[in-house]
Amino acid sequence: MNPIPAETLVEALRWRYATKQFDPFRVIPEATWAALEDALVLTPSSYGLQPWKFLVIQDAALRERLVPCSWGQRQVADASHLVVMIVQKRVSPQHVDRFLDRISQTRGVPVESLAGYRNMMVKDVVEGERSKASTEWASRQAYIALGNFMTCAALLGVDTCPMEGFDADRYDEILELAPQGWTTAVLCPAGYRAATDKYASLPKVRFPKSEMIERR
């Protein structure tokens, strides 16, 4: 792999912002979107458990229904793509076993050889102290995916807007998530900024690096 120049990364991060107005007529090219979906799937997670799914909401009528549940924010309807990041409310032993089967298939190792790893995960996120805040733990994993998605999008010249301003219960109801044991963690519309979005030209406001980075 050939690494990109360091300045390319920093330039992309300076270019991106939480887009308030998307151009509803501009659509992310198919190949670009496919790469962004790959970026979501390739996101790291604790233990590698991936306690998430990424709903790509394409139905225009459904997206309009979600606007009132999103504090009236039009990004969910006007962006080229809407990603709803959902997480498991509780991590089950079955999910752990499904993950171990995937390891076995991908790496060609007997699933029995992973018994120690299984025991460690079950004692932690299924039965241990962490299991008492399972939804919160899974949501933190989703935020890793969110950050990864936004950075990759910026590198591809795609705008995004991370969104916590929504009614999760209504999202869960409309998307019929609760019966399946899922809940909405965070949203991320993606597309291209509208020419009328005044926030696109505003300079970023960040504390100085000297205050934010501490070396010990």
C-alpha atoms as a PDB file:
ATOM      1  CA  MET A   1       0.000   0.000   0.000  1.00  0.00           C
ATOM      2  CA  ASN A   2       1.245   3.467  -0.867  1.00  0.00           C
ATOM      3  CA  PRO A   3       0.433   5.916   1.954  1.00  0.00           C
ATOM      4  CA  ILE A   4      -1.144   9.221   1.013  1.00  0.00           C
ATOM      5  CA  PRO A   5       0.882  12.368   1.698  1.00  0.00           C
ATOM      6  CA  ALA A   6       0.399  13.699   5.229  1.00  0.00           C
ATOM      7  CA  GLU A   7      -0.751  17.058   3.899  1.00  0.00           C
ATOM      8  CA  THR A   8      -3.530  15.342   1.922  1.00  0.00           C
ATOM      9  CA  LEU A   9      -5.024  13.961   5.114  1.00  0.00           C
ATOM     10  CA  VAL A  10      -4.827  17.257   6.992  1.00  0.00           C
ATOM     11  CA  GLU A  11      -6.245  19.159   4.027  1.00  0.00           C
ATOM     12  CA  ALA A  12      -9.232  16.798   3.858  1.00  0.00           C
ATOM     13  CA  LEU A  13      -9.898  17.166   7.585  1.00  0.00           C
ATOM     14  CA  ARG A  14      -9.744  20.938   7.319  1.00  0.00           C
ATOM     15  CA  TRP A  15     -12.111  20.828   4.335  1.00  0.00           C
ATOM     16  CA  ARG A  16     -14.786  18.725   6.035  1.00  0.00           C
ATOM     17  CA  TYR A  17     -17.416  20.205   8.321  1.00  0.00           C
ATOM     18  CA  ALA A  18     -20.808  19.192   9.688  1.00  0.00           C
ATOM     19  CA  THR A  19     -22.796  19.987   6.564  1.00  0.00           C
ATOM     20  CA  LYS A  20     -26.028  21.810   7.336  1.00  0.00           C
ATOM     21  CA  GLN A  21     -27.416  21.980   3.787  1.00  0.00           C
ATOM     22  CA  PHE A  22     -26.945  19.260   1.211  1.00  0.00           C
ATOM     23  CA  ASP A  23     -27.509  19.630  -2.509  1.00  0.00           C
ATOM     24  CA  PRO A  24     -30.496  17.284  -3.048  1.00  0.00           C
ATOM     25  CA  PHE A  25     -29.675  16.953  -6.748  1.00  0.00           C
ATOM     26  CA  ARG A  26     -26.123  15.654  -6.373  1.00  0.00           C
ATOM     27  CA  VAL A  27     -25.701  11.920  -5.895  1.00  0.00           C
ATOM     28  CA  ILE A  28     -22.564  10.139  -4.683  1.00  0.00           C
ATOM     29  CA  PRO A  29     -21.156   8.047  -7.570  1.00  0.00           C
ATOM     30  CA  GLU A  30     -21.680   4.310  -7.243  1.00  0.00           C
ATOM     31  CA  ALA A  31     -17.986   3.415  -6.969  1.00  0.00           C
ATOM     32  CA  THR A  32     -17.400   6.107  -4.335  1.00  0.00           C
ATOM     33  CA  TRP A  33     -20.333   4.898  -2.261  1.00  0.00           C
ATOM     34  CA  ALA A  34     -19.175   1.285  -2.553  1.00  0.00           C
ATOM     35  CA  ALA A  35     -15.796   2.332  -1.106  1.00  0.00           C
ATOM     36  CA  LEU A  36     -17.544   4.113   1.778  1.00  0.00           C
ATOM     37  CA  GLU A  37     -19.599   1.018   2.532  1.00  0.00           C
ATOM     38  CA  ASP A  38     -16.349  -0.958   2.607  1.00  0.00           C
ATOM     39  CA  ALA A  39     -14.958   1.624   5.044  1.00  0.00           C
ATOM     40  CA  LEU A  40     -17.920   1.024   7.354  1.00  0.00           C
ATOM     41  CA  VAL A  41     -17.481  -2.750   7.241  1.00  0.00           C
ATOM     42  CA  LEU A  42     -13.721  -2.451   7.818  1.00  0.00           C
ATOM     43  CA  THR A  43     -14.131  -0.304  10.942  1.00  0.00           C
ATOM     44  CA  PRO A  44     -12.397  -1.786  13.997  1.00  0.00           C
ATOM     45  CA  SER A  45     -14.383  -2.677  17.110  1.00  0.00           C
ATOM     46  CA  SER A  46     -13.692  -3.989  20.592  1.00  0.00           C
ATOM     47  CA  TYR A  47     -12.797  -7.704  20.369  1.00  0.00           C
ATOM     48  CA  GLY A  48     -13.713  -7.360  16.676  1.00  0.00           C
ATOM     49  CA  LEU A  49     -17.323  -8.139  17.688  1.00  0.00           C
ATOM     50  CA  GLN A  50     -18.977  -5.569  15.394  1.00  0.00           C
ATOM     51  CA  PRO A  51     -22.174  -5.120  17.469  1.00  0.00           C
ATOM     52  CA  TRP A  52     -23.689  -2.918  14.757  1.00  0.00           C
ATOM     53  CA  LYS A  53     -25.467  -2.688  11.440  1.00  0.00           C
ATOM     54  CA  PHE A  54     -25.472   0.221   9.015  1.00  0.00           C
ATOM     55  CA  LEU A  55     -28.869   0.974   7.517  1.00  0.00           C
ATOM     56  CA  VAL A  56     -28.581   2.872   4.256  1.00  0.00           C
ATOM     57  CA  ILE A  57     -31.986   4.521   3.914  1.00  0.00           C
ATOM     58  CA  GLN A  58     -32.712   5.068   0.230  1.00  0.00           C
ATOM     59  CA  ASP A  59     -36.511   5.303   0.172  1.00  0.00           C
ATOM     60  CA  ALA A  60     -37.350   9.014  -0.237  1.00  0.00           C
ATOM     61  CA  ALA A  61     -40.728   8.745   1.487  1.00  0.00           C
ATOM     62  CA  LEU A  62     -39.193   6.968   4.459  1.00  0.00           C
ATOM     63  CA  ARG A  63     -36.515   9.621   4.759  1.00  0.00           C
ATOM     64  CA  GLU A  64     -39.188  12.326   4.784  1.00  0.00           C
ATOM     65  CA  ARG A  65     -40.924  10.487   7.631  1.00  0.00           C
ATOM     66  CA  LEU A  66     -37.668  10.648   9.584  1.00  0.00           C
ATOM     67  CA  VAL A  67     -37.307  14.448   9.278  1.00  0.00           C
ATOM     68  CA  PRO A  68     -39.754  15.295  12.114  1.00  0.00           C
ATOM     69  CA  CYS A  69     -37.979  12.707  14.298  1.00  0.00           C
ATOM     70  CA  SER A  70     -34.690  14.473  13.527  1.00  0.00           C
ATOM     71  CA  TRP A  71     -35.598  17.815  15.081  1.00  0.00           C
ATOM     72  CA  GLY A  72     -36.717  18.961  11.637  1.00  0.00           C
ATOM     73  CA  GLN A  73     -33.214  18.747  10.203  1.00  0.00           C
ATOM     74  CA  ARG A  74     -33.449  18.369   6.428  1.00  0.00           C
ATOM     75  CA  GLN A  75     -30.065  16.658   6.055  1.00  0.00           C
ATOM     76  CA  VAL A  76     -31.655  13.245   6.539  1.00  0.00           C
ATOM     77  CA  ALA A  77     -33.856  13.791   3.488  1.00  0.00           C
ATOM     78  CA  ASP A  78     -31.718  16.025   1.265  1.00  0.00           C
ATOM     79  CA  ALA A  79     -28.356  14.236   1.439  1.00  0.00           C
ATOM     80  CA  SER A  80     -27.438  11.763  -1.270  1.00  0.00           C
ATOM     81  CA  HIS A  81     -27.287   8.925   1.272  1.00  0.00           C
ATOM     82  CA  LEU A  82     -28.442   8.490   4.859  1.00  0.00           C
ATOM     83  CA  VAL A  83     -26.645   6.034   7.125  1.00  0.00           C
ATOM     84  CA  VAL A  84     -28.439   5.040  10.321  1.00  0.00           C
ATOM     85  CA  MET A  85     -25.995   3.282  12.628  1.00  0.00           C
ATOM     86  CA  ILE A  86     -27.839   0.791  14.807  1.00  0.00           C
ATOM     87  CA  VAL A  87     -26.466  -1.381  17.612  1.00  0.00           C
ATOM     88  CA  GLN A  88     -27.483  -4.453  19.534  1.00  0.00           C
ATOM     89  CA  LYS A  89     -29.115  -3.675  22.859  1.00  0.00           C
ATOM     90  CA  ARG A  90     -27.472  -6.752  24.335  1.00  0.00           C
ATOM     91  CA  VAL A  91     -24.631  -8.847  22.960  1.00  0.00           C
ATOM     92  CA  SER A  92     -25.750 -12.474  22.982  1.00  0.00           C
ATOM     93  CA  PRO A  93     -23.687 -15.666  23.181  1.00  0.00           C
ATOM     94  CA  GLN A  94     -25.074 -16.465  19.739  1.00  0.00           C
ATOM     95  CA  HIS A  95     -23.499 -13.311  18.307  1.00  0.00           C
ATOM     96  CA  VAL A  96     -20.157 -14.247  19.876  1.00  0.00           C
ATOM     97  CA  ASP A  97     -20.389 -17.718  18.352  1.00  0.00           C
ATOM     98  CA  ARG A  98     -21.300 -16.261  14.962  1.00  0.00           C
ATOM     99  CA  PHE A  99     -18.200 -14.079  15.150  1.00  0.00           C
ATOM    100  CA  LEU A 100     -16.014 -17.054  16.092  1.00  0.00           C
ATOM    101  CA  ASP A 101     -17.417 -19.037  13.162  1.00  0.00           C
ATOM    102  CA  ARG A 102     -16.435 -16.141  10.920  1.00  0.00           C
ATOM    103  CA  ILE A 103     -12.886 -16.164  12.334  1.00  0.00           C
ATOM    104  CA  SER A 104     -12.702 -19.921  11.747  1.00  0.00           C
ATOM    105  CA  GLN A 105     -13.870 -19.590   8.129  1.00  0.00           C
ATOM    106  CA  THR A 106     -11.709 -16.576   7.309  1.00  0.00           C
ATOM    107  CA  ARG A 107      -8.477 -17.693   8.924  1.00  0.00           C
ATOM    108  CA  GLY A 108      -8.828 -21.439   8.514  1.00  0.00           C
ATOM    109  CA  VAL A 109      -8.523 -22.312  12.192  1.00  0.00           C
ATOM    110  CA  PRO A 110     -10.677 -24.800  14.147  1.00  0.00           C
ATOM    111  CA  VAL A 111     -13.415 -23.008  16.075  1.00  0.00           C
ATOM    112  CA  GLU A 112     -12.501 -25.178  19.058  1.00  0.00           C
ATOM    113  CA  SER A 113      -9.115 -23.472  19.215  1.00  0.00           C
ATOM    114  CA  LEU A 114     -10.918 -20.204  19.971  1.00  0.00           C
ATOM    115  CA  ALA A 115     -12.547 -21.456  23.169  1.00  0.00           C
ATOM    116  CA  GLY A 116     -10.361 -19.279  25.399  1.00  0.00           C
ATOM    117  CA  TYR A 117     -11.187 -16.170  23.353  1.00  0.00           C
ATOM    118  CA  ARG A 118     -14.887 -17.032  23.517  1.00  0.00           C
ATOM    119  CA  ASN A 119     -14.757 -17.442  27.276  1.00  0.00           C
ATOM    120  CA  MET A 120     -13.053 -14.057  27.673  1.00  0.00           C
ATOM    121  CA  MET A 121     -15.637 -12.238  25.540  1.00  0.00           C
ATOM    122  CA  VAL A 122     -18.628 -13.930  27.166  1.00  0.00           C
ATOM    123  CA  LYS A 123     -17.365 -13.200  30.672  1.00  0.00           C
ATOM    124  CA  ASP A 124     -16.908  -9.551  29.732  1.00  0.00           C
ATOM    125  CA  VAL A 125     -19.632  -8.285  27.377  1.00  0.00           C
ATOM    126  CA  VAL A 126     -22.263 -11.024  27.793  1.00  0.00           C
ATOM    127  CA  GLU A 127     -22.164 -11.855  31.500  1.00  0.00           C
ATOM    128  CA  GLY A 128     -19.708  -9.418  33.126  1.00  0.00           C
ATOM    129  CA  GLU A 129     -19.900  -5.851  34.398  1.00  0.00           C
ATOM    130  CA  ARG A 130     -19.791  -4.446  30.872  1.00  0.00           C
ATOM    131  CA  SER A 131     -22.958  -6.365  30.025  1.00  0.00           C
ATOM    132  CA  LYS A 132     -24.906  -4.109  32.426  1.00  0.00           C
ATOM    133  CA  ALA A 133     -24.269  -1.210  30.038  1.00  0.00           C
ATOM    134  CA  SER A 134     -24.307  -3.263  26.860  1.00  0.00           C
ATOM    135  CA  THR A 135     -26.190  -0.720  24.726  1.00  0.00           C
ATOM    136  CA  GLU A 136     -23.878   2.094  25.796  1.00  0.00           C
ATOM    137  CA  TRP A 137     -20.834  -0.055  25.055  1.00  0.00           C
ATOM    138  CA  ALA A 138     -22.166  -0.954  21.616  1.00  0.00           C
ATOM    139  CA  SER A 139     -22.977   2.704  20.901  1.00  0.00           C
ATOM    140  CA  ARG A 140     -19.375   3.669  21.654  1.00  0.00           C
ATOM    141  CA  GLN A 141     -18.324   1.132  19.040  1.00  0.00           C
ATOM    142  CA  ALA A 142     -20.698   2.777  16.551  1.00  0.00           C
ATOM    143  CA  TYR A 143     -18.954   6.102  17.128  1.00  0.00           C
ATOM    144  CA  ILE A 144     -15.703   4.503  15.999  1.00  0.00           C
ATOM    145  CA  ALA A 145     -17.489   3.651  12.754  1.00  0.00           C
ATOM    146  CA  LEU A 146     -18.854   7.193  12.551  1.00  0.00           C
ATOM    147  CA  GLY A 147     -15.411   8.772  12.821  1.00  0.00           C
ATOM    148  CA  ASN A 148     -13.922   6.342  10.341  1.00  0.00           C
ATOM    149  CA  PHE A 149     -16.756   6.968   7.879  1.00  0.00           C
ATOM    150  CA  MET A 150     -16.457  10.765   8.075  1.00  0.00           C
ATOM    151  CA  THR A 151     -12.687  10.727   7.594  1.00  0.00           C
ATOM    152  CA  CYS A 152     -12.871   8.366   4.625  1.00  0.00           C
ATOM    153  CA  ALA A 153     -15.677  10.436   3.119  1.00  0.00           C
ATOM    154  CA  ALA A 154     -13.616  13.624   3.427  1.00  0.00           C
ATOM    155  CA  LEU A 155     -10.684  11.954   1.676  1.00  0.00           C
ATOM    156  CA  LEU A 156     -13.045  11.120  -1.197  1.00  0.00           C
ATOM    157  CA  GLY A 157     -14.470  14.637  -1.332  1.00  0.00           C
ATOM    158  CA  VAL A 158     -17.827  13.626   0.169  1.00  0.00           C
ATOM    159  CA  ASP A 159     -19.559  15.772   2.781  1.00  0.00           C
ATOM    160  CA  THR A 160     -21.068  14.354   5.952  1.00  0.00           C
ATOM    161  CA  CYS A 161     -22.982  15.477   9.007  1.00  0.00           C
ATOM    162  CA  PRO A 162     -22.806  13.459  12.239  1.00  0.00           C
ATOM    163  CA  MET A 163     -26.187  13.724  13.954  1.00  0.00           C
ATOM    164  CA  GLU A 164     -27.264  13.039  17.522  1.00  0.00           C
ATOM    165  CA  GLY A 165     -30.264  15.354  17.263  1.00  0.00           C
ATOM    166  CA  PHE A 166     -33.014  12.798  16.747  1.00  0.00           C
ATOM    167  CA  ASP A 167     -35.633  10.830  18.673  1.00  0.00           C
ATOM    168  CA  ALA A 168     -34.139   7.362  18.965  1.00  0.00           C
ATOM    169  CA  ASP A 169     -37.406   5.788  20.139  1.00  0.00           C
ATOM    170  CA  ARG A 170     -39.258   7.105  17.087  1.00  0.00           C
ATOM    171  CA  TYR A 171     -36.460   5.949  14.782  1.00  0.00           C
ATOM    172  CA  ASP A 172     -36.613   2.512  16.365  1.00  0.00           C
ATOM    173  CA  GLU A 173     -40.375   2.454  15.898  1.00  0.00           C
ATOM    174  CA  ILE A 174     -40.390   3.624  12.270  1.00  0.00           C
ATOM    175  CA  LEU A 175     -37.518   1.320  11.297  1.00  0.00           C
ATOM    176  CA  GLU A 176     -39.009  -1.570  13.319  1.00  0.00           C
ATOM    177  CA  LEU A 177     -35.810  -2.194  15.241  1.00  0.00           C
ATOM    178  CA  ALA A 178     -36.968  -2.982  18.779  1.00  0.00           C
ATOM    179  CA  PRO A 179     -38.477  -6.440  18.069  1.00  0.00           C
ATOM    180  CA  GLN A 180     -35.129  -7.471  16.612  1.00  0.00           C
ATOM    181  CA  GLY A 181     -33.137  -6.259  19.629  1.00  0.00           C
ATOM    182  CA  TRP A 182     -31.596  -3.237  17.882  1.00  0.00           C
ATOM    183  CA  THR A 183     -31.625   0.487  18.626  1.00  0.00           C
ATOM    184  CA  THR A 184     -30.477   3.616  16.778  1.00  0.00           C
ATOM    185  CA  ALA A 185     -27.117   4.976  17.959  1.00  0.00           C
ATOM    186  CA  VAL A 186     -26.212   7.821  15.594  1.00  0.00           C
ATOM    187  CA  LEU A 187     -26.954   9.144  12.101  1.00  0.00           C
ATOM    188  CA  CYS A 188     -24.690  10.294   9.294  1.00  0.00           C
ATOM    189  CA  PRO A 189     -26.102  11.815   6.116  1.00  0.00           C
ATOM    190  CA  ALA A 190     -23.566  11.963   3.284  1.00  0.00           C
ATOM    191  CA  GLY A 191     -23.512  13.816  -0.003  1.00  0.00           C
ATOM    192  CA  TYR A 192     -22.405  17.197  -1.295  1.00  0.00           C
ATOM    193  CA  ARG A 193     -22.772  20.613   0.308  1.00  0.00           C
ATOM    194  CA  ALA A 194     -25.230  23.089  -1.133  1.00  0.00           C
ATOM    195  CA  ALA A 195     -23.833  26.344  -2.492  1.00  0.00           C
ATOM    196  CA  THR A 196     -26.103  28.174  -0.036  1.00  0.00           C
ATOM    197  CA  ASP A 197     -24.654  26.525   3.090  1.00  0.00           C
ATOM    198  CA  LYS A 198     -22.977  29.441   4.843  1.00  0.00           C
ATOM    199  CA  TYR A 199     -21.168  27.117   7.253  1.00  0.00           C
ATOM    200  CA  ALA A 200     -19.004  25.711   4.455  1.00  0.00           C
ATOM    201  CA  SER A 201     -16.826  28.828   4.337  1.00  0.00           C
ATOM    202  CA  LEU A 202     -16.503  29.458   8.066  1.00  0.00           C
ATOM    203  CA  PRO A 203     -13.055  28.786   9.555  1.00  0.00           C
ATOM    204  CA  LYS A 204     -12.799  25.887  11.986  1.00  0.00           C
ATOM    205  CA  VAL A 205     -12.770  26.796  15.660  1.00  0.00           C
ATOM    206  CA  ARG A 206     -10.382  24.553  17.563  1.00  0.00           C
ATOM    207  CA  PHE A 207      -8.278  25.051  20.665  1.00  0.00           C
ATOM    208  CA  PRO A 208      -4.546  25.375  19.887  1.00  0.00           C
ATOM    209  CA  LYS A 209      -2.624  22.145  19.397  1.00  0.00           C
ATOM    210  CA  SER A 210      -0.298  23.258  22.212  1.00  0.00           C
ATOM    211  CA  GLU A 211      -3.250  23.076  24.620  1.00  0.00           C
ATOM    212  CA  MET A 212      -4.789  19.889  23.270  1.00  0.00           C
ATOM    213  CA  ILE A 213      -1.701  17.692  22.827  1.00  0.00           C
ATOM    214  CA  GLU A 214       0.234  16.878  25.971  1.00  0.00           C
ATOM    215  CA  ARG A 215       3.417  14.851  25.843  1.00  0.00           C
ATOM    216  CA  ARG A 216       4.569  12.984  28.935  1.00  0.00           C
END
